[in-house]
């Protein structure tokens, strides 16, 4: 009897042992989510993710997925719920790495690592002026920012063109929401990544049509940016420079002379045109070695799509608008008219009028 009972007990144990290792589906999903939480890193570019006040967990996850911070939203949702994020989610503007570890993402959203500061960079600023702005507003040492913007290894890591010796032209002008105490290298990384984000895929095909490299295009756009005071003039100023490049004419762009002097000149005089620099387009044909400022999207578009006009010259009027000409004689006549108008404006008016 004891022997038979022992055998029956052995059979029962063998029959039920697989069930001891059968993990319920819900528990398996939890384990899977926890394992995903350990994945990811902090090597990807940083992106800005906004979680508005009152957002649900699902809405927050949609924003994270849209910005490629997470790649598996369904599994992350489960992981976040296990971590209790449903009840501890804090709104804010977050600067997160793409493919960041889930544990770091949840920790950021739980403790509200979204305390940000606003950093506004307007179009046309030079690298050194962005550095001055970063020092004044973000407490980043000016020299540290410039060193980071000239770090060849960092520039290569950011995917900027090989011809770019600095980040000049690629620090996209816009309004940034940045974490407190952001460093110089991280700021350069964020601004350059914003430029790359703004670059539309169809623009590359357009470059092939223009037979220009991206670096050349950005360089031209930066000159257009420096010249324009009246927005509708952009495609026409771009057309003048494109036409001159095709004809092998010198660009003779005053902003490049100012850049060659290393400071902003209130006015470019005849004596300034002799400065010896590769950026002096009065002395050298073609584009300068690189951008002279940070062009905005409007100037990039103007450089990509110039107006279909035969103009080769332009001169600014007192109101900032330009007069365009196809021939040099027309250009001289336009200059004469503008000078006459300025003299008339300065002339004293007779009493009683």
C-alpha atoms as a PDB file:
ATOM      1  CA  UNK A   1       0.000   0.000   0.000  1.00  0.00           C
ATOM      2  CA  UNK A   2       2.755   2.383   0.881  1.00  0.00           C
ATOM      3  CA  UNK A   3       4.594   1.580  -2.329  1.00  0.00           C
ATOM      4  CA  UNK A   4       1.530   2.202  -4.474  1.00  0.00           C
ATOM      5  CA  UNK A   5       0.709   5.418  -2.674  1.00  0.00           C
ATOM      6  CA  UNK A   6       4.248   6.581  -3.168  1.00  0.00           C
ATOM      7  CA  UNK A   7       4.041   5.880  -6.892  1.00  0.00           C
ATOM      8  CA  UNK A   8       0.688   7.637  -7.161  1.00  0.00           C
ATOM      9  CA  UNK A   9       2.124  10.619  -5.303  1.00  0.00           C
ATOM     10  CA  UNK A  10       5.068  10.679  -7.672  1.00  0.00           C
ATOM     11  CA  UNK A  11       2.775  10.605 -10.668  1.00  0.00           C
ATOM     12  CA  UNK A  12       0.708  13.492  -9.300  1.00  0.00           C
ATOM     13  CA  UNK A  13       3.790  15.557  -8.641  1.00  0.00           C
ATOM     14  CA  UNK A  14       5.085  14.989 -12.154  1.00  0.00           C
ATOM     15  CA  UNK A  15       1.703  15.808 -13.622  1.00  0.00           C
ATOM     16  CA  UNK A  16       1.425  19.112 -11.821  1.00  0.00           C
ATOM     17  CA  UNK A  17       5.051  20.319 -11.903  1.00  0.00           C
ATOM     18  CA  UNK A  18       4.757  22.208 -15.267  1.00  0.00           C
ATOM     19  CA  UNK A  19       1.985  24.303 -13.766  1.00  0.00           C
ATOM     20  CA  UNK A  20       4.373  25.476 -11.096  1.00  0.00           C
ATOM     21  CA  UNK A  21       6.416  27.212 -13.790  1.00  0.00           C
ATOM     22  CA  UNK A  22       3.522  28.560 -15.838  1.00  0.00           C
ATOM     23  CA  UNK A  23       3.616  32.355 -15.472  1.00  0.00           C
ATOM     24  CA  UNK A  24       0.251  34.120 -15.839  1.00  0.00           C
ATOM     25  CA  UNK A  25       0.007  36.314 -18.926  1.00  0.00           C
ATOM     26  CA  UNK A  26      -0.384  39.532 -16.912  1.00  0.00           C
ATOM     27  CA  UNK A  27       2.669  38.711 -14.796  1.00  0.00           C
ATOM     28  CA  UNK A  28       4.677  37.922 -17.935  1.00  0.00           C
ATOM     29  CA  UNK A  29       3.770  41.307 -19.397  1.00  0.00           C
ATOM     30  CA  UNK A  30       4.888  42.989 -16.200  1.00  0.00           C
ATOM     31  CA  UNK A  31       8.213  41.162 -16.317  1.00  0.00           C
ATOM     32  CA  UNK A  32       8.603  42.090 -19.980  1.00  0.00           C
ATOM     33  CA  UNK A  33       7.897  45.744 -19.222  1.00  0.00           C
ATOM     34  CA  UNK A  34      10.372  45.779 -16.358  1.00  0.00           C
ATOM     35  CA  UNK A  35      13.031  44.268 -18.601  1.00  0.00           C
ATOM     36  CA  UNK A  36      12.397  46.987 -21.193  1.00  0.00           C
ATOM     37  CA  UNK A  37      12.807  49.577 -18.483  1.00  0.00           C
ATOM     38  CA  UNK A  38      16.428  48.664 -18.141  1.00  0.00           C
ATOM     39  CA  UNK A  39      16.997  49.190 -21.853  1.00  0.00           C
ATOM     40  CA  UNK A  40      17.866  52.408 -23.617  1.00  0.00           C
ATOM     41  CA  UNK A  41      20.632  54.866 -23.078  1.00  0.00           C
ATOM     42  CA  UNK A  42      21.411  58.549 -23.116  1.00  0.00           C
ATOM     43  CA  UNK A  43      23.434  58.763 -26.315  1.00  0.00           C
ATOM     44  CA  UNK A  44      20.683  59.991 -28.606  1.00  0.00           C
ATOM     45  CA  UNK A  45      20.067  63.661 -29.373  1.00  0.00           C
ATOM     46  CA  UNK A  46      17.952  65.612 -26.926  1.00  0.00           C
ATOM     47  CA  UNK A  47      14.449  66.617 -27.888  1.00  0.00           C
ATOM     48  CA  UNK A  48      11.901  68.871 -26.231  1.00  0.00           C
ATOM     49  CA  UNK A  49       8.747  67.102 -25.031  1.00  0.00           C
ATOM     50  CA  UNK A  50       5.830  69.126 -23.679  1.00  0.00           C
ATOM     51  CA  UNK A  51       3.388  67.550 -21.218  1.00  0.00           C
ATOM     52  CA  UNK A  52       0.532  70.065 -20.797  1.00  0.00           C
ATOM     53  CA  UNK A  53      -1.167  70.494 -17.432  1.00  0.00           C
ATOM     54  CA  UNK A  54      -3.914  67.939 -16.923  1.00  0.00           C
ATOM     55  CA  UNK A  55      -2.483  65.486 -19.470  1.00  0.00           C
ATOM     56  CA  UNK A  56      -3.351  61.812 -19.095  1.00  0.00           C
ATOM     57  CA  UNK A  57      -0.684  59.142 -19.076  1.00  0.00           C
ATOM     58  CA  UNK A  58      -1.775  58.078 -22.556  1.00  0.00           C
ATOM     59  CA  UNK A  59      -1.355  61.643 -23.880  1.00  0.00           C
ATOM     60  CA  UNK A  60       2.092  61.873 -22.301  1.00  0.00           C
ATOM     61  CA  UNK A  61       3.110  58.560 -23.856  1.00  0.00           C
ATOM     62  CA  UNK A  62       1.900  59.751 -27.269  1.00  0.00           C
ATOM     63  CA  UNK A  63       4.181  62.794 -26.964  1.00  0.00           C
ATOM     64  CA  UNK A  64       7.125  60.662 -25.889  1.00  0.00           C
ATOM     65  CA  UNK A  65       6.623  58.267 -28.799  1.00  0.00           C
ATOM     66  CA  UNK A  66       6.164  61.078 -31.338  1.00  0.00           C
ATOM     67  CA  UNK A  67       9.544  62.484 -30.281  1.00  0.00           C
ATOM     68  CA  UNK A  68      11.195  59.010 -30.379  1.00  0.00           C
ATOM     69  CA  UNK A  69      12.012  59.054 -26.677  1.00  0.00           C
ATOM     70  CA  UNK A  70      10.348  55.636 -26.475  1.00  0.00           C
ATOM     71  CA  UNK A  71       9.887  53.094 -29.239  1.00  0.00           C
ATOM     72  CA  UNK A  72       7.356  50.693 -27.647  1.00  0.00           C
ATOM     73  CA  UNK A  73       4.498  52.810 -26.282  1.00  0.00           C
ATOM     74  CA  UNK A  74       2.268  49.869 -25.409  1.00  0.00           C
ATOM     75  CA  UNK A  75       4.864  48.132 -23.292  1.00  0.00           C
ATOM     76  CA  UNK A  76       6.032  51.431 -21.810  1.00  0.00           C
ATOM     77  CA  UNK A  77       2.439  52.139 -20.737  1.00  0.00           C
ATOM     78  CA  UNK A  78       2.443  48.931 -18.739  1.00  0.00           C
ATOM     79  CA  UNK A  79       5.860  49.711 -17.279  1.00  0.00           C
ATOM     80  CA  UNK A  80       4.765  53.228 -16.322  1.00  0.00           C
ATOM     81  CA  UNK A  81       1.648  51.915 -14.591  1.00  0.00           C
ATOM     82  CA  UNK A  82       3.713  49.387 -12.638  1.00  0.00           C
ATOM     83  CA  UNK A  83       5.938  52.276 -11.557  1.00  0.00           C
ATOM     84  CA  UNK A  84       2.883  54.268 -10.457  1.00  0.00           C
ATOM     85  CA  UNK A  85       3.295  57.057 -12.994  1.00  0.00           C
ATOM     86  CA  UNK A  86      -0.464  57.254 -13.561  1.00  0.00           C
ATOM     87  CA  UNK A  87      -0.884  59.107 -10.265  1.00  0.00           C
ATOM     88  CA  UNK A  88       2.468  60.917 -10.111  1.00  0.00           C
ATOM     89  CA  UNK A  89       2.780  62.348 -13.636  1.00  0.00           C
ATOM     90  CA  UNK A  90       3.846  65.994 -13.591  1.00  0.00           C
ATOM     91  CA  UNK A  91       3.311  68.417 -16.450  1.00  0.00           C
ATOM     92  CA  UNK A  92       6.107  70.531 -17.843  1.00  0.00           C
ATOM     93  CA  UNK A  93       8.528  70.956 -20.700  1.00  0.00           C
ATOM     94  CA  UNK A  94      11.157  68.225 -20.684  1.00  0.00           C
ATOM     95  CA  UNK A  95      14.461  67.902 -22.476  1.00  0.00           C
ATOM     96  CA  UNK A  96      14.956  64.165 -22.953  1.00  0.00           C
ATOM     97  CA  UNK A  97      17.290  61.990 -24.955  1.00  0.00           C
ATOM     98  CA  UNK A  98      15.867  59.977 -27.799  1.00  0.00           C
ATOM     99  CA  UNK A  99      15.908  56.289 -26.766  1.00  0.00           C
ATOM    100  CA  UNK A 100      16.448  57.271 -23.130  1.00  0.00           C
ATOM    101  CA  UNK A 101      16.109  54.483 -20.562  1.00  0.00           C
ATOM    102  CA  UNK A 102      12.552  54.066 -19.396  1.00  0.00           C
ATOM    103  CA  UNK A 103      13.521  54.305 -15.758  1.00  0.00           C
ATOM    104  CA  UNK A 104      15.063  57.729 -16.404  1.00  0.00           C
ATOM    105  CA  UNK A 105      11.994  58.880 -18.339  1.00  0.00           C
ATOM    106  CA  UNK A 106       9.639  57.842 -15.568  1.00  0.00           C
ATOM    107  CA  UNK A 107      11.886  59.381 -12.917  1.00  0.00           C
ATOM    108  CA  UNK A 108      11.913  62.678 -14.819  1.00  0.00           C
ATOM    109  CA  UNK A 109       8.126  62.756 -15.192  1.00  0.00           C
ATOM    110  CA  UNK A 110       7.640  61.807 -11.544  1.00  0.00           C
ATOM    111  CA  UNK A 111       9.855  64.463 -10.018  1.00  0.00           C
ATOM    112  CA  UNK A 112       8.965  67.119 -12.575  1.00  0.00           C
ATOM    113  CA  UNK A 113      12.348  67.541 -14.190  1.00  0.00           C
ATOM    114  CA  UNK A 114      10.588  69.962 -16.458  1.00  0.00           C
ATOM    115  CA  UNK A 115      11.702  73.138 -14.759  1.00  0.00           C
ATOM    116  CA  UNK A 116      12.876  75.013 -17.810  1.00  0.00           C
ATOM    117  CA  UNK A 117      14.184  78.409 -18.805  1.00  0.00           C
ATOM    118  CA  UNK A 118      13.355  80.234 -22.009  1.00  0.00           C
ATOM    119  CA  UNK A 119      16.191  81.059 -24.422  1.00  0.00           C
ATOM    120  CA  UNK A 120      15.302  83.170 -27.454  1.00  0.00           C
ATOM    121  CA  UNK A 121      17.719  83.330 -30.381  1.00  0.00           C
ATOM    122  CA  UNK A 122      16.644  85.624 -33.202  1.00  0.00           C
ATOM    123  CA  UNK A 123      17.587  85.194 -36.840  1.00  0.00           C
ATOM    124  CA  UNK A 124      20.870  86.644 -38.050  1.00  0.00           C
ATOM    125  CA  UNK A 125      22.898  86.454 -34.840  1.00  0.00           C
ATOM    126  CA  UNK A 126      26.529  85.458 -35.184  1.00  0.00           C
ATOM    127  CA  UNK A 127      28.055  82.637 -33.181  1.00  0.00           C
ATOM    128  CA  UNK A 128      29.852  85.055 -30.852  1.00  0.00           C
ATOM    129  CA  UNK A 129      26.583  86.920 -30.300  1.00  0.00           C
ATOM    130  CA  UNK A 130      24.806  83.668 -29.422  1.00  0.00           C
ATOM    131  CA  UNK A 131      27.676  83.023 -26.991  1.00  0.00           C
ATOM    132  CA  UNK A 132      27.138  86.456 -25.407  1.00  0.00           C
ATOM    133  CA  UNK A 133      23.429  85.711 -25.117  1.00  0.00           C
ATOM    134  CA  UNK A 134      24.084  82.308 -23.537  1.00  0.00           C
ATOM    135  CA  UNK A 135      26.374  83.902 -20.974  1.00  0.00           C
ATOM    136  CA  UNK A 136      23.901  86.641 -20.112  1.00  0.00           C
ATOM    137  CA  UNK A 137      20.781  84.474 -19.932  1.00  0.00           C
ATOM    138  CA  UNK A 138      21.993  80.940 -19.162  1.00  0.00           C
ATOM    139  CA  UNK A 139      25.179  81.701 -17.197  1.00  0.00           C
ATOM    140  CA  UNK A 140      27.229  79.662 -19.681  1.00  0.00           C
ATOM    141  CA  UNK A 141      30.765  81.078 -19.968  1.00  0.00           C
ATOM    142  CA  UNK A 142      31.193  82.727 -23.352  1.00  0.00           C
ATOM    143  CA  UNK A 143      34.502  80.986 -24.074  1.00  0.00           C
ATOM    144  CA  UNK A 144      33.061  77.587 -23.126  1.00  0.00           C
ATOM    145  CA  UNK A 145      30.245  77.979 -25.638  1.00  0.00           C
ATOM    146  CA  UNK A 146      32.613  79.080 -28.413  1.00  0.00           C
ATOM    147  CA  UNK A 147      34.979  76.186 -27.639  1.00  0.00           C
ATOM    148  CA  UNK A 148      32.085  73.739 -27.868  1.00  0.00           C
ATOM    149  CA  UNK A 149      30.895  75.292 -31.138  1.00  0.00           C
ATOM    150  CA  UNK A 150      34.399  74.837 -32.566  1.00  0.00           C
ATOM    151  CA  UNK A 151      34.934  71.273 -31.312  1.00  0.00           C
ATOM    152  CA  UNK A 152      35.404  69.191 -34.461  1.00  0.00           C
ATOM    153  CA  UNK A 153      34.557  65.928 -32.690  1.00  0.00           C
ATOM    154  CA  UNK A 154      31.282  67.356 -31.406  1.00  0.00           C
ATOM    155  CA  UNK A 155      30.407  68.796 -34.810  1.00  0.00           C
ATOM    156  CA  UNK A 156      31.029  65.445 -36.467  1.00  0.00           C
ATOM    157  CA  UNK A 157      28.904  63.711 -33.841  1.00  0.00           C
ATOM    158  CA  UNK A 158      26.087  66.145 -34.527  1.00  0.00           C
ATOM    159  CA  UNK A 159      26.112  65.265 -38.224  1.00  0.00           C
ATOM    160  CA  UNK A 160      27.100  68.702 -39.498  1.00  0.00           C
ATOM    161  CA  UNK A 161      28.793  68.900 -42.916  1.00  0.00           C
ATOM    162  CA  UNK A 162      32.507  68.145 -43.051  1.00  0.00           C
ATOM    163  CA  UNK A 163      33.146  71.664 -44.384  1.00  0.00           C
ATOM    164  CA  UNK A 164      31.743  73.200 -41.199  1.00  0.00           C
ATOM    165  CA  UNK A 165      34.720  74.214 -39.065  1.00  0.00           C
ATOM    166  CA  UNK A 166      32.340  75.692 -36.465  1.00  0.00           C
ATOM    167  CA  UNK A 167      28.649  75.530 -35.667  1.00  0.00           C
ATOM    168  CA  UNK A 168      28.183  78.984 -37.225  1.00  0.00           C
ATOM    169  CA  UNK A 169      25.019  78.866 -39.313  1.00  0.00           C
ATOM    170  CA  UNK A 170      23.740  75.685 -37.669  1.00  0.00           C
ATOM    171  CA  UNK A 171      22.593  77.098 -34.313  1.00  0.00           C
ATOM    172  CA  UNK A 172      18.987  77.342 -35.365  1.00  0.00           C
ATOM    173  CA  UNK A 173      17.289  80.608 -34.324  1.00  0.00           C
ATOM    174  CA  UNK A 174      14.095  79.974 -32.404  1.00  0.00           C
ATOM    175  CA  UNK A 175      12.704  79.964 -28.868  1.00  0.00           C
ATOM    176  CA  UNK A 176      14.150  77.189 -26.711  1.00  0.00           C
ATOM    177  CA  UNK A 177      12.906  75.803 -23.416  1.00  0.00           C
ATOM    178  CA  UNK A 178      16.010  74.481 -21.685  1.00  0.00           C
ATOM    179  CA  UNK A 179      16.743  72.794 -18.363  1.00  0.00           C
ATOM    180  CA  UNK A 180      18.338  74.847 -15.645  1.00  0.00           C
ATOM    181  CA  UNK A 181      22.130  74.704 -15.536  1.00  0.00           C
ATOM    182  CA  UNK A 182      22.460  73.389 -19.099  1.00  0.00           C
ATOM    183  CA  UNK A 183      26.091  73.179 -20.220  1.00  0.00           C
ATOM    184  CA  UNK A 184      27.816  74.680 -23.243  1.00  0.00           C
ATOM    185  CA  UNK A 185      28.197  71.428 -25.173  1.00  0.00           C
ATOM    186  CA  UNK A 186      24.619  70.420 -24.491  1.00  0.00           C
ATOM    187  CA  UNK A 187      23.332  73.784 -25.696  1.00  0.00           C
ATOM    188  CA  UNK A 188      25.291  73.508 -28.941  1.00  0.00           C
ATOM    189  CA  UNK A 189      23.942  69.980 -29.337  1.00  0.00           C
ATOM    190  CA  UNK A 190      20.331  71.074 -28.790  1.00  0.00           C
ATOM    191  CA  UNK A 191      20.552  74.017 -31.199  1.00  0.00           C
ATOM    192  CA  UNK A 192      22.294  72.040 -33.931  1.00  0.00           C
ATOM    193  CA  UNK A 193      19.776  69.226 -33.566  1.00  0.00           C
ATOM    194  CA  UNK A 194      17.007  71.785 -34.005  1.00  0.00           C
ATOM    195  CA  UNK A 195      18.603  72.836 -37.291  1.00  0.00           C
ATOM    196  CA  UNK A 196      18.720  69.225 -38.459  1.00  0.00           C
ATOM    197  CA  UNK A 197      15.077  68.785 -37.435  1.00  0.00           C
ATOM    198  CA  UNK A 198      14.093  71.835 -39.492  1.00  0.00           C
ATOM    199  CA  UNK A 199      15.806  70.505 -42.620  1.00  0.00           C
ATOM    200  CA  UNK A 200      13.079  69.057 -44.824  1.00  0.00           C
ATOM    201  CA  UNK A 201      13.839  65.861 -46.793  1.00  0.00           C
ATOM    202  CA  UNK A 202      12.778  67.433 -50.097  1.00  0.00           C
ATOM    203  CA  UNK A 203      15.418  70.115 -49.675  1.00  0.00           C
ATOM    204  CA  UNK A 204      18.155  67.623 -50.480  1.00  0.00           C
ATOM    205  CA  UNK A 205      16.702  66.987 -53.925  1.00  0.00           C
ATOM    206  CA  UNK A 206      16.524  70.729 -54.448  1.00  0.00           C
ATOM    207  CA  UNK A 207      20.225  71.007 -53.582  1.00  0.00           C
ATOM    208  CA  UNK A 208      20.987  68.511 -56.341  1.00  0.00           C
ATOM    209  CA  UNK A 209      19.073  70.706 -58.786  1.00  0.00           C
ATOM    210  CA  UNK A 210      20.985  73.781 -57.657  1.00  0.00           C
ATOM    211  CA  UNK A 211      24.257  71.824 -57.677  1.00  0.00           C
ATOM    212  CA  UNK A 212      25.041  73.069 -54.216  1.00  0.00           C
ATOM    213  CA  UNK A 213      26.073  71.362 -51.010  1.00  0.00           C
ATOM    214  CA  UNK A 214      24.149  71.875 -47.807  1.00  0.00           C
ATOM    215  CA  UNK A 215      27.032  73.921 -46.408  1.00  0.00           C
ATOM    216  CA  UNK A 216      27.009  76.200 -49.435  1.00  0.00           C
ATOM    217  CA  UNK A 217      23.267  76.632 -49.154  1.00  0.00           C
ATOM    218  CA  UNK A 218      23.438  77.542 -45.473  1.00  0.00           C
ATOM    219  CA  UNK A 219      26.255  79.977 -46.239  1.00  0.00           C
ATOM    220  CA  UNK A 220      24.166  81.695 -48.913  1.00  0.00           C
ATOM    221  CA  UNK A 221      21.103  81.723 -46.639  1.00  0.00           C
ATOM    222  CA  UNK A 222      23.130  83.425 -43.904  1.00  0.00           C
ATOM    223  CA  UNK A 223      24.072  86.229 -46.315  1.00  0.00           C
ATOM    224  CA  UNK A 224      20.446  86.635 -47.375  1.00  0.00           C
ATOM    225  CA  UNK A 225      19.489  86.772 -43.700  1.00  0.00           C
ATOM    226  CA  UNK A 226      22.022  89.517 -43.063  1.00  0.00           C
ATOM    227  CA  UNK A 227      20.800  91.616 -46.002  1.00  0.00           C
ATOM    228  CA  UNK A 228      17.030  91.479 -45.541  1.00  0.00           C
ATOM    229  CA  UNK A 229      15.010  94.045 -43.626  1.00  0.00           C
ATOM    230  CA  UNK A 230      11.790  93.590 -45.617  1.00  0.00           C
ATOM    231  CA  UNK A 231      10.629  89.976 -45.756  1.00  0.00           C
ATOM    232  CA  UNK A 232       9.244  89.949 -49.343  1.00  0.00           C
ATOM    233  CA  UNK A 233      12.738  90.881 -50.598  1.00  0.00           C
ATOM    234  CA  UNK A 234      14.254  87.533 -49.572  1.00  0.00           C
ATOM    235  CA  UNK A 235      13.734  85.532 -52.802  1.00  0.00           C
ATOM    236  CA  UNK A 236      14.860  88.511 -54.906  1.00  0.00           C
ATOM    237  CA  UNK A 237      18.074  89.041 -52.914  1.00  0.00           C
ATOM    238  CA  UNK A 238      18.658  85.313 -53.198  1.00  0.00           C
ATOM    239  CA  UNK A 239      18.126  85.546 -56.964  1.00  0.00           C
ATOM    240  CA  UNK A 240      20.757  88.292 -57.263  1.00  0.00           C
ATOM    241  CA  UNK A 241      23.347  86.119 -55.548  1.00  0.00           C
ATOM    242  CA  UNK A 242      22.406  82.982 -57.473  1.00  0.00           C
ATOM    243  CA  UNK A 243      22.662  84.930 -60.745  1.00  0.00           C
ATOM    244  CA  UNK A 244      26.061  86.322 -59.764  1.00  0.00           C
ATOM    245  CA  UNK A 245      27.345  82.881 -58.795  1.00  0.00           C
ATOM    246  CA  UNK A 246      26.252  81.440 -62.138  1.00  0.00           C
ATOM    247  CA  UNK A 247      28.026  84.234 -64.015  1.00  0.00           C
ATOM    248  CA  UNK A 248      31.203  83.988 -61.977  1.00  0.00           C
ATOM    249  CA  UNK A 249      30.730  87.501 -60.590  1.00  0.00           C
ATOM    250  CA  UNK A 250      31.879  88.514 -57.112  1.00  0.00           C
ATOM    251  CA  UNK A 251      28.983  88.626 -54.668  1.00  0.00           C
ATOM    252  CA  UNK A 252      30.139  91.951 -53.192  1.00  0.00           C
ATOM    253  CA  UNK A 253      27.977  91.424 -50.119  1.00  0.00           C
ATOM    254  CA  UNK A 254      28.569  94.041 -47.419  1.00  0.00           C
ATOM    255  CA  UNK A 255      27.660  91.661 -44.519  1.00  0.00           C
ATOM    256  CA  UNK A 256      30.572  89.386 -45.456  1.00  0.00           C
ATOM    257  CA  UNK A 257      32.955  92.356 -45.185  1.00  0.00           C
ATOM    258  CA  UNK A 258      31.562  93.183 -41.766  1.00  0.00           C
ATOM    259  CA  UNK A 259      32.035  89.545 -40.736  1.00  0.00           C
ATOM    260  CA  UNK A 260      35.614  89.624 -42.011  1.00  0.00           C
ATOM    261  CA  UNK A 261      36.311  92.552 -39.670  1.00  0.00           C
ATOM    262  CA  UNK A 262      35.146  90.451 -36.722  1.00  0.00           C
ATOM    263  CA  UNK A 263      32.624  93.022 -35.546  1.00  0.00           C
ATOM    264  CA  UNK A 264      29.406  94.553 -36.780  1.00  0.00           C
ATOM    265  CA  UNK A 265      30.096  97.653 -38.822  1.00  0.00           C
ATOM    266  CA  UNK A 266      27.370 100.277 -38.706  1.00  0.00           C
ATOM    267  CA  UNK A 267      28.202 101.023 -42.308  1.00  0.00           C
ATOM    268  CA  UNK A 268      30.643  99.481 -44.789  1.00  0.00           C
ATOM    269  CA  UNK A 269      32.897 102.206 -46.174  1.00  0.00           C
ATOM    270  CA  UNK A 270      35.281 102.033 -49.101  1.00  0.00           C
ATOM    271  CA  UNK A 271      38.227 101.593 -46.738  1.00  0.00           C
ATOM    272  CA  UNK A 272      36.583  98.498 -45.216  1.00  0.00           C
ATOM    273  CA  UNK A 273      36.487  96.700 -48.563  1.00  0.00           C
ATOM    274  CA  UNK A 274      40.226  96.067 -48.537  1.00  0.00           C
ATOM    275  CA  UNK A 275      40.195  93.741 -45.513  1.00  0.00           C
ATOM    276  CA  UNK A 276      42.157  90.607 -46.372  1.00  0.00           C
ATOM    277  CA  UNK A 277      39.934  87.677 -45.566  1.00  0.00           C
ATOM    278  CA  UNK A 278      38.440  84.695 -47.346  1.00  0.00           C
ATOM    279  CA  UNK A 279      35.096  86.113 -46.188  1.00  0.00           C
ATOM    280  CA  UNK A 280      35.552  89.331 -48.151  1.00  0.00           C
ATOM    281  CA  UNK A 281      33.341  88.772 -51.185  1.00  0.00           C
ATOM    282  CA  UNK A 282      34.554  92.033 -52.733  1.00  0.00           C
ATOM    283  CA  UNK A 283      37.987  90.437 -53.169  1.00  0.00           C
ATOM    284  CA  UNK A 284      37.056  86.800 -53.795  1.00  0.00           C
ATOM    285  CA  UNK A 285      34.590  85.214 -56.187  1.00  0.00           C
ATOM    286  CA  UNK A 286      32.150  82.583 -55.041  1.00  0.00           C
ATOM    287  CA  UNK A 287      30.768  81.983 -51.586  1.00  0.00           C
ATOM    288  CA  UNK A 288      32.830  82.572 -48.441  1.00  0.00           C
ATOM    289  CA  UNK A 289      34.157  79.495 -46.550  1.00  0.00           C
ATOM    290  CA  UNK A 290      31.106  79.256 -44.339  1.00  0.00           C
ATOM    291  CA  UNK A 291      28.013  80.961 -42.918  1.00  0.00           C
ATOM    292  CA  UNK A 292      28.262  84.420 -41.368  1.00  0.00           C
ATOM    293  CA  UNK A 293      25.207  84.139 -39.086  1.00  0.00           C
ATOM    294  CA  UNK A 294      22.334  81.873 -38.112  1.00  0.00           C
ATOM    295  CA  UNK A 295      19.741  81.899 -40.932  1.00  0.00           C
ATOM    296  CA  UNK A 296      16.110  81.249 -40.150  1.00  0.00           C
ATOM    297  CA  UNK A 297      13.793  78.990 -42.093  1.00  0.00           C
ATOM    298  CA  UNK A 298      12.575  81.854 -44.322  1.00  0.00           C
ATOM    299  CA  UNK A 299      16.102  82.606 -45.512  1.00  0.00           C
ATOM    300  CA  UNK A 300      16.872  78.924 -46.030  1.00  0.00           C
ATOM    301  CA  UNK A 301      13.775  78.662 -48.221  1.00  0.00           C
ATOM    302  CA  UNK A 302      14.730  81.818 -50.122  1.00  0.00           C
ATOM    303  CA  UNK A 303      18.196  80.432 -50.794  1.00  0.00           C
ATOM    304  CA  UNK A 304      16.674  77.166 -51.976  1.00  0.00           C
ATOM    305  CA  UNK A 305      13.990  78.771 -54.124  1.00  0.00           C
ATOM    306  CA  UNK A 306      15.166  82.157 -55.505  1.00  0.00           C
ATOM    307  CA  UNK A 307      12.805  84.285 -57.556  1.00  0.00           C
ATOM    308  CA  UNK A 308      12.977  83.760 -61.306  1.00  0.00           C
ATOM    309  CA  UNK A 309      14.259  87.232 -62.161  1.00  0.00           C
ATOM    310  CA  UNK A 310      17.312  88.574 -64.057  1.00  0.00           C
ATOM    311  CA  UNK A 311      18.474  90.945 -61.320  1.00  0.00           C
ATOM    312  CA  UNK A 312      22.191  91.343 -60.583  1.00  0.00           C
ATOM    313  CA  UNK A 313      22.150  94.383 -58.293  1.00  0.00           C
ATOM    314  CA  UNK A 314      20.185  95.847 -55.412  1.00  0.00           C
ATOM    315  CA  UNK A 315      20.399  98.884 -53.167  1.00  0.00           C
ATOM    316  CA  UNK A 316      18.609  99.558 -49.892  1.00  0.00           C
ATOM    317  CA  UNK A 317      16.167 102.395 -49.439  1.00  0.00           C
ATOM    318  CA  UNK A 318      15.803 104.282 -46.129  1.00  0.00           C
ATOM    319  CA  UNK A 319      12.735 102.184 -45.250  1.00  0.00           C
ATOM    320  CA  UNK A 320      14.711  98.940 -45.553  1.00  0.00           C
ATOM    321  CA  UNK A 321      13.159  97.855 -48.834  1.00  0.00           C
ATOM    322  CA  UNK A 322      15.470  97.239 -51.791  1.00  0.00           C
ATOM    323  CA  UNK A 323      15.473  98.414 -55.387  1.00  0.00           C
ATOM    324  CA  UNK A 324      16.581  95.667 -57.788  1.00  0.00           C
ATOM    325  CA  UNK A 325      18.239  96.142 -61.174  1.00  0.00           C
ATOM    326  CA  UNK A 326      19.278  93.898 -64.047  1.00  0.00           C
ATOM    327  CA  UNK A 327      22.035  96.177 -65.388  1.00  0.00           C
ATOM    328  CA  UNK A 328      24.732  98.296 -63.797  1.00  0.00           C
ATOM    329  CA  UNK A 329      23.373 101.490 -65.372  1.00  0.00           C
ATOM    330  CA  UNK A 330      19.957 100.802 -63.871  1.00  0.00           C
ATOM    331  CA  UNK A 331      21.662 100.198 -60.535  1.00  0.00           C
ATOM    332  CA  UNK A 332      23.528 103.531 -60.693  1.00  0.00           C
ATOM    333  CA  UNK A 333      20.272 105.305 -61.531  1.00  0.00           C
ATOM    334  CA  UNK A 334      18.562 103.664 -58.542  1.00  0.00           C
ATOM    335  CA  UNK A 335      21.383 104.778 -56.259  1.00  0.00           C
ATOM    336  CA  UNK A 336      21.096 108.341 -57.565  1.00  0.00           C
ATOM    337  CA  UNK A 337      17.328 108.413 -56.951  1.00  0.00           C
ATOM    338  CA  UNK A 338      17.742 107.128 -53.389  1.00  0.00           C
ATOM    339  CA  UNK A 339      20.466 109.679 -52.616  1.00  0.00           C
ATOM    340  CA  UNK A 340      18.308 112.465 -53.989  1.00  0.00           C
ATOM    341  CA  UNK A 341      15.358 111.308 -51.867  1.00  0.00           C
ATOM    342  CA  UNK A 342      17.566 111.295 -48.767  1.00  0.00           C
ATOM    343  CA  UNK A 343      18.820 114.802 -49.447  1.00  0.00           C
ATOM    344  CA  UNK A 344      15.274 116.005 -49.935  1.00  0.00           C
ATOM    345  CA  UNK A 345      14.215 114.411 -46.651  1.00  0.00           C
ATOM    346  CA  UNK A 346      17.038 116.177 -44.798  1.00  0.00           C
ATOM    347  CA  UNK A 347      16.457 119.590 -46.381  1.00  0.00           C
ATOM    348  CA  UNK A 348      14.850 122.156 -44.045  1.00  0.00           C
ATOM    349  CA  UNK A 349      11.237 122.963 -44.838  1.00  0.00           C
ATOM    350  CA  UNK A 350      10.154 126.576 -45.459  1.00  0.00           C
ATOM    351  CA  UNK A 351       8.292 128.162 -42.538  1.00  0.00           C
ATOM    352  CA  UNK A 352       4.561 127.587 -42.538  1.00  0.00           C
ATOM    353  CA  UNK A 353       4.717 124.232 -44.300  1.00  0.00           C
END
